[in-house]
Protein backbone atom coordinates (compact mmCIF):
# COMPACT_ATOMS: atom_id res chain seq x y z
CA MET A 1 67.45 114.08 113.94
CA ALA A 2 67.24 112.73 110.38
CA ARG A 3 69.27 115.70 109.16
CA LYS A 4 72.01 114.96 111.70
CA ARG A 5 72.20 111.31 110.60
CA LYS A 6 72.35 112.35 106.96
CA ASN A 7 75.32 114.65 107.65
CA GLN A 8 77.08 111.84 109.53
CA ASP A 9 76.51 109.47 106.58
CA GLU A 10 77.90 112.04 104.15
CA ASP A 11 80.88 112.71 106.40
CA SER A 12 81.70 109.04 106.89
CA ASN A 13 83.15 108.63 103.38
CA ILE A 14 85.23 111.82 103.50
CA VAL A 15 88.99 111.32 103.83
CA GLU A 16 90.98 113.97 105.72
CA LYS A 17 94.73 114.40 105.78
CA THR A 18 96.83 117.00 107.60
CA ILE A 19 99.33 118.48 105.18
CA TYR A 20 101.21 120.97 107.33
CA ILE A 21 101.38 122.09 110.97
CA ASN A 22 103.30 125.18 112.03
CA ARG A 23 104.12 126.57 115.47
CA VAL A 24 103.97 130.36 115.67
CA ALA A 25 105.56 132.22 118.59
CA LYS A 26 104.48 135.64 119.81
CA VAL A 27 106.89 137.36 122.19
CA VAL A 28 105.11 139.12 125.07
CA LYS A 29 106.26 140.70 128.31
CA GLY A 30 106.24 137.43 130.25
CA GLY A 31 107.90 135.28 127.56
CA ARG A 32 106.65 133.55 124.43
CA ARG A 33 103.10 132.54 123.56
CA PHE A 34 102.73 129.68 121.12
CA ASN A 35 99.92 129.21 118.63
CA PHE A 36 99.55 126.53 115.97
CA THR A 37 98.37 126.63 112.37
CA SER A 38 97.36 123.64 110.30
CA LEU A 39 96.58 122.96 106.65
CA VAL A 40 94.16 120.05 106.05
CA VAL A 41 92.79 118.48 102.86
CA ALA A 42 89.44 116.68 102.73
CA GLY A 43 88.01 114.65 99.86
CA ASP A 44 85.58 111.86 99.04
CA ASN A 45 87.60 109.97 96.37
CA GLN A 46 84.81 110.78 93.88
CA GLY A 47 86.16 114.07 92.49
CA ASN A 48 85.30 116.36 95.42
CA VAL A 49 88.18 117.96 97.33
CA GLY A 50 88.66 120.92 99.65
CA VAL A 51 91.45 122.53 101.64
CA GLY A 52 91.19 124.38 104.94
CA PHE A 53 93.51 126.46 107.11
CA GLY A 54 93.00 126.67 110.88
CA LYS A 55 94.68 128.53 113.73
CA ALA A 56 94.37 127.83 117.48
CA ASN A 57 96.27 127.60 120.77
CA GLN A 58 96.40 123.79 120.60
CA VAL A 59 97.22 121.48 117.68
CA PRO A 60 94.01 119.35 117.81
CA GLU A 61 91.83 122.46 117.80
CA ALA A 62 93.75 123.91 114.83
CA ILE A 63 93.30 120.65 112.91
CA ARG A 64 89.58 120.53 113.75
CA LYS A 65 89.05 124.10 112.51
CA ALA A 66 91.02 123.41 109.34
CA SER A 67 89.07 120.21 108.59
CA GLU A 68 85.75 122.03 109.03
CA LYS A 69 86.86 124.69 106.57
CA ALA A 70 88.12 122.01 104.16
CA ARG A 71 84.74 120.24 104.18
CA ALA A 72 82.94 123.55 103.64
CA SER A 73 85.13 124.61 100.72
CA MET A 74 84.95 121.44 98.61
CA ILE A 75 85.08 121.79 94.83
CA GLN A 76 84.07 119.31 92.13
CA CYS A 77 86.84 118.26 89.74
CA PRO A 78 86.41 116.00 86.69
CA LEU A 79 87.74 112.48 87.13
CA LEU A 80 88.24 110.56 83.86
CA GLU A 81 89.14 106.89 84.36
CA GLY A 82 91.30 107.71 87.39
CA THR A 83 93.24 110.54 85.80
CA VAL A 84 92.92 114.21 84.85
CA PRO A 85 91.16 114.84 81.51
CA HIS A 86 93.94 117.01 80.03
CA ILE A 87 97.24 118.73 80.80
CA ILE A 88 96.83 121.83 82.97
CA THR A 89 99.06 124.26 84.84
CA GLY A 90 97.92 125.81 88.11
CA LYS A 91 99.57 128.98 89.38
CA TYR A 92 99.64 130.69 92.74
CA GLY A 93 102.28 133.18 93.79
CA ALA A 94 105.73 131.94 92.75
CA THR A 95 104.49 128.35 92.35
CA LYS A 96 103.37 126.49 89.24
CA VAL A 97 101.96 122.97 89.39
CA ILE A 98 101.64 120.96 86.17
CA LEU A 99 99.15 118.06 86.10
CA ARG A 100 99.35 115.55 83.23
CA PRO A 101 97.13 112.55 82.49
CA ALA A 102 98.79 109.16 82.87
CA SER A 103 97.95 105.69 81.59
CA PRO A 104 96.58 103.04 83.98
CA GLY A 105 99.16 101.56 86.32
CA THR A 106 101.32 104.68 86.50
CA GLY A 107 100.16 105.82 89.94
CA VAL A 108 100.30 109.33 91.33
CA ILE A 109 103.80 110.71 90.71
CA ALA A 110 103.81 113.83 92.87
CA SER A 111 105.29 115.61 95.85
CA SER A 112 103.67 114.92 99.22
CA ASN A 113 101.54 118.09 99.21
CA VAL A 114 100.18 117.54 95.69
CA ARG A 115 99.75 113.79 96.32
CA SER A 116 97.58 114.47 99.39
CA ILE A 117 95.16 116.56 97.33
CA LEU A 118 95.04 114.19 94.35
CA ASP A 119 94.55 111.13 96.58
CA ALA A 120 91.72 112.83 98.47
CA ALA A 121 90.07 113.76 95.17
CA GLY A 122 90.30 110.16 93.93
CA TYR A 123 92.91 110.40 91.17
CA LYS A 124 94.86 107.17 90.65
CA ASN A 125 97.17 107.93 87.69
CA VAL A 126 98.62 111.43 87.35
CA LEU A 127 102.04 112.87 86.53
CA THR A 128 102.86 116.18 88.24
CA LYS A 129 105.66 118.70 88.47
CA VAL A 130 106.05 121.60 90.93
CA ILE A 131 108.01 124.53 89.51
CA GLY A 132 109.17 127.49 91.57
CA SER A 133 108.48 127.81 95.27
CA ASN A 134 107.67 124.62 97.13
CA ASN A 135 106.02 126.40 100.06
CA ALA A 136 103.21 124.12 101.24
CA HIS A 137 100.50 126.80 101.15
CA ASN A 138 101.42 127.97 97.65
CA VAL A 139 101.71 124.41 96.27
CA VAL A 140 98.28 123.50 97.69
CA LYS A 141 96.63 126.63 96.28
CA ALA A 142 98.29 126.16 92.88
CA THR A 143 97.08 122.54 92.78
CA LEU A 144 93.53 123.63 93.65
CA ASN A 145 93.76 126.32 90.95
CA ALA A 146 94.63 123.63 88.40
CA LEU A 147 91.84 121.30 89.57
CA GLU A 148 89.25 124.12 89.46
CA ARG A 149 90.10 124.89 85.82
CA LEU A 150 89.93 121.27 84.59
CA GLU A 151 87.04 120.48 82.29
CA SER A 152 85.61 117.11 81.33
CA PRO A 153 85.13 116.12 77.66
CA GLN A 154 81.41 116.90 78.02
CA GLN A 155 82.12 120.40 79.35
CA TYR A 156 84.65 121.00 76.57
CA ALA A 157 82.21 119.82 73.87
CA THR A 158 79.44 122.12 75.11
CA ARG A 159 81.88 125.06 75.42
CA ILE A 160 83.05 124.79 71.81
CA GLY A 161 79.58 123.84 70.51
CA LYS A 162 80.41 120.45 68.99
CA PRO A 163 78.86 117.04 69.68
CA LEU A 164 80.71 114.83 72.19
CA GLU A 165 81.37 112.10 69.60
CA GLU A 166 83.27 114.54 67.36
CA VAL A 167 85.35 115.78 70.30
CA MET A 168 86.21 112.24 71.43
CA LEU A 169 87.74 111.42 68.02
CA ASN A 170 90.69 113.70 68.83
CA TYR A 171 90.68 113.16 72.61
CA THR A 172 94.01 111.75 73.86
CA VAL A 173 92.97 110.39 77.27
CA GLY A 174 90.98 107.31 78.19
CA SER A 175 90.55 103.64 77.34
CA HIS A 176 89.84 104.38 73.65
CA VAL A 177 93.47 105.62 73.41
CA TRP A 178 95.25 103.30 75.85
CA GLY A 179 93.49 100.17 74.61
CA VAL A 180 92.57 98.90 78.06
CA SER A 181 89.20 98.39 79.69
CA SER A 182 88.20 100.82 82.42
CA ASP A 183 87.39 99.04 85.68
């Protein structure tokens, strides 16, 4: 019983948004049979985000399946003062998604598919550009590819073997560059 309550408490702060719903028709002897697919993003506004794809005979069931998969496939992405820590390009198929850090007050400048993911993850100031195909599935997967490959200043410092203070001297994102306090 305590485990069930704990899962409900964890799930209560998760935001879900349906990105795309598609009706698929299968032609059979007696006519057409319709199925539905849905693409759902789930996030906790703290840097965790996941995407799920569900298929079913009814729309609510497809959304439920997709949201379960989205919650199960959450990844952790670094969140630095409401923006991404550095410029990154995510690729999937014929789609490229570029994510750039932005100063406070900029907002999320993005297409609806990219915006859904960044909002669910908790990013407040990001500049984005989608290049190539704007197919919803490819854009979502390219955005996730970019978020997976982001690294925080601490991760970067340990990867190159330098102390964090030395790395932050040349770091171009954050309140030490923009001259504003982080709230």
